[in-house]
Amino acid sequence: MIKAKAQYEYILFSANYLPSRFCKIPGILIDSKPKWTSHLENLGKKVASGASVLFKLQPFADVRLLRIVYFSLVYSHLIYGILNWATANWSSIADLAKLNNRAIRSLLKVNRRERIPLRDLFHSARILQIKDIYNYELTKHLYKIHHNIFSDYIINGF
């Protein structure tokens, strides 16, 4: 049996700590100052990449295929750890929301100059906005807490 070497990285959470270091947990970057800026910047790059792929696929794919690509390349990144990073200041998340809006416009093949309310675009695509994704995931989590529905990993891990 091979035992993996445990790797730990310690971060000092303090307002007086000057170096802006971060710890990378699989899929999540945690700053030394818990503002989620490093994670949101990294997430923004992933969402922008997914939005770019959607834009480039527009002429060749129908909306059904673009929707599959959206859920694979954009939504999967947005949903991961959202209960943590979505508690950041909304001004930090606004850029991410703009990138998500761009992805939805590409998915529906809507020109940027067309003045269609975003709520209508998301509704017609049957996709949730970032705030709504957060509320949905929070509701699911609270339901699991209320009804004691957790995996064995969570129960035995703590």
Protein backbone atom coordinates (compact mmCIF):
# COMPACT_ATOMS: atom_id res chain seq x y z
CA MET A 1 0.00 0.00 0.00
CA ILE A 2 1.38 3.37 -1.01
CA LYS A 3 0.65 6.33 1.20
CA ALA A 4 0.48 9.72 -0.41
CA LYS A 5 2.51 12.46 1.18
CA ALA A 6 0.21 15.06 2.67
CA GLN A 7 0.85 18.58 1.47
CA TYR A 8 -0.30 21.52 3.50
CA GLU A 9 0.03 25.19 2.86
CA TYR A 10 -0.65 27.63 5.64
CA ILE A 11 -2.04 31.08 5.01
CA LEU A 12 -2.10 33.86 7.56
CA PHE A 13 -5.53 35.51 7.45
CA SER A 14 -4.90 39.04 8.62
CA ALA A 15 -5.53 42.58 7.44
CA ASN A 16 -1.86 43.46 8.16
CA TYR A 17 -0.34 40.67 6.07
CA LEU A 18 1.11 42.33 2.97
CA PRO A 19 2.09 39.57 0.52
CA SER A 20 -0.90 38.53 -1.56
CA ARG A 21 -0.37 34.78 -1.44
CA PHE A 22 -2.99 32.22 -2.19
CA CYS A 23 -3.55 28.55 -1.60
CA LYS A 24 -4.86 26.37 -4.42
CA ILE A 25 -7.30 23.70 -3.33
CA PRO A 26 -8.48 21.64 -6.32
CA GLY A 27 -10.57 24.10 -8.31
CA ILE A 28 -10.55 26.93 -5.78
CA LEU A 29 -7.99 29.65 -5.07
CA ILE A 30 -8.08 31.08 -1.54
CA ASP A 31 -6.43 34.44 -0.92
CA SER A 32 -4.59 35.36 2.25
CA LYS A 33 -7.23 38.06 2.56
CA PRO A 34 -10.54 36.27 2.08
CA LYS A 35 -11.87 38.43 -0.75
CA TRP A 36 -11.86 35.72 -3.44
CA THR A 37 -10.13 38.02 -5.96
CA SER A 38 -7.61 35.41 -7.15
CA HIS A 39 -10.30 32.78 -7.56
CA LEU A 40 -12.68 35.15 -9.37
CA GLU A 41 -9.93 36.24 -11.77
CA ASN A 42 -9.07 32.62 -12.52
CA LEU A 43 -12.75 31.73 -12.90
CA GLY A 44 -13.21 34.72 -15.21
CA LYS A 45 -10.51 33.35 -17.51
CA LYS A 46 -12.27 30.00 -17.70
CA VAL A 47 -15.68 31.57 -18.37
CA ALA A 48 -14.19 33.90 -21.00
CA SER A 49 -12.60 30.90 -22.71
CA GLY A 50 -15.94 29.08 -22.73
CA ALA A 51 -17.75 32.18 -24.06
CA SER A 52 -15.14 32.45 -26.81
CA VAL A 53 -15.71 28.83 -27.85
CA LEU A 54 -19.47 29.45 -27.96
CA PHE A 55 -18.96 32.52 -30.13
CA LYS A 56 -16.73 30.62 -32.55
CA LEU A 57 -19.18 27.72 -32.77
CA GLN A 58 -22.21 29.94 -33.51
CA PRO A 59 -22.12 29.65 -37.32
CA PHE A 60 -21.71 25.88 -37.27
CA ALA A 61 -23.90 24.66 -34.40
CA ASP A 62 -27.54 24.84 -33.45
CA VAL A 63 -28.75 26.16 -30.08
CA ARG A 64 -29.11 22.64 -28.68
CA LEU A 65 -25.42 21.88 -29.23
CA LEU A 66 -24.36 25.33 -27.99
CA ARG A 67 -26.35 24.70 -24.80
CA ILE A 68 -24.42 21.46 -24.22
CA VAL A 69 -21.14 23.30 -24.76
CA TYR A 70 -22.26 26.07 -22.35
CA PHE A 71 -23.00 23.57 -19.59
CA SER A 72 -19.68 21.82 -20.23
CA LEU A 73 -17.35 24.82 -20.46
CA VAL A 74 -19.05 27.62 -18.51
CA TYR A 75 -21.72 26.41 -16.09
CA SER A 76 -19.57 23.60 -14.68
CA HIS A 77 -16.98 26.17 -13.57
CA LEU A 78 -19.58 28.60 -12.24
CA ILE A 79 -21.29 26.06 -10.04
CA TYR A 80 -18.12 24.64 -8.46
CA GLY A 81 -17.64 26.22 -5.03
CA ILE A 82 -20.30 28.86 -5.64
CA LEU A 83 -21.49 28.69 -2.03
CA ASN A 84 -18.08 30.04 -1.05
CA TRP A 85 -17.06 32.56 -3.69
CA ALA A 86 -20.52 34.02 -4.38
CA THR A 87 -20.49 35.59 -0.92
CA ALA A 88 -17.85 38.05 -2.16
CA ASN A 89 -18.72 41.65 -2.85
CA TRP A 90 -21.01 41.93 -5.91
CA SER A 91 -18.63 44.38 -7.58
CA SER A 92 -16.07 41.54 -7.65
CA ILE A 93 -18.59 39.18 -9.24
CA ALA A 94 -19.95 41.74 -11.75
CA ASP A 95 -17.19 41.05 -14.32
CA LEU A 96 -17.92 37.36 -14.09
CA ALA A 97 -21.63 38.04 -14.61
CA LYS A 98 -20.81 40.08 -17.74
CA LEU A 99 -18.80 37.18 -19.15
CA ASN A 100 -21.67 34.82 -18.40
CA ASN A 101 -24.07 37.22 -20.14
CA ARG A 102 -21.79 37.20 -23.18
CA ALA A 103 -21.83 33.41 -23.18
CA ILE A 104 -25.65 33.38 -23.08
CA ARG A 105 -25.84 35.85 -25.98
CA SER A 106 -23.52 33.59 -27.98
CA LEU A 107 -25.55 30.53 -27.04
CA LEU A 108 -28.79 32.11 -28.28
CA LYS A 109 -27.07 33.70 -31.31
CA VAL A 110 -28.16 37.18 -30.22
CA ASN A 111 -26.17 40.19 -31.42
CA ARG A 112 -24.71 42.41 -28.68
CA ARG A 113 -26.44 45.45 -30.18
CA GLU A 114 -29.91 43.96 -29.83
CA ARG A 115 -31.51 45.42 -26.74
CA ILE A 116 -33.15 42.39 -25.18
CA PRO A 117 -33.41 42.30 -21.36
CA LEU A 118 -30.98 39.79 -19.88
CA ARG A 119 -33.69 38.24 -17.75
CA ASP A 120 -35.58 37.36 -20.95
CA LEU A 121 -32.46 35.87 -22.54
CA PHE A 122 -31.76 33.67 -19.53
CA HIS A 123 -35.42 32.69 -19.36
CA SER A 124 -35.57 31.69 -23.02
CA ALA A 125 -32.33 29.68 -22.64
CA ARG A 126 -33.73 28.10 -19.45
CA ILE A 127 -30.47 28.90 -17.63
CA LEU A 128 -30.03 30.57 -14.25
CA GLN A 129 -28.07 33.76 -13.67
CA ILE A 130 -25.20 33.70 -11.16
CA LYS A 131 -27.31 35.06 -8.29
CA ASP A 132 -29.99 32.48 -9.02
CA ILE A 133 -27.44 29.65 -9.22
CA TYR A 134 -26.18 30.69 -5.79
CA ASN A 135 -29.71 30.80 -4.34
CA TYR A 136 -30.52 27.39 -5.84
CA GLU A 137 -27.36 25.76 -4.49
CA LEU A 138 -27.86 27.36 -1.07
CA THR A 139 -31.44 26.09 -0.94
CA LYS A 140 -30.27 22.57 -1.85
CA HIS A 141 -27.61 22.71 0.86
CA LEU A 142 -30.05 23.96 3.51
CA TYR A 143 -32.51 21.23 2.52
CA LYS A 144 -29.81 18.62 3.06
CA ILE A 145 -28.96 20.10 6.45
CA HIS A 146 -32.59 20.21 7.51
CA HIS A 147 -33.28 16.61 6.45
CA ASN A 148 -29.86 15.19 7.49
CA ILE A 149 -29.07 14.09 3.95
CA PHE A 150 -25.29 14.03 3.65
CA SER A 151 -22.84 11.63 2.11
CA ASP A 152 -20.76 9.41 4.38
CA TYR A 153 -17.70 11.45 3.44
CA ILE A 154 -19.09 14.60 5.01
CA ILE A 155 -20.48 12.83 8.09
CA ASN A 156 -17.30 10.82 8.80
CA GLY A 157 -14.89 13.49 7.60
CA PHE A 158 -15.80 15.93 10.31
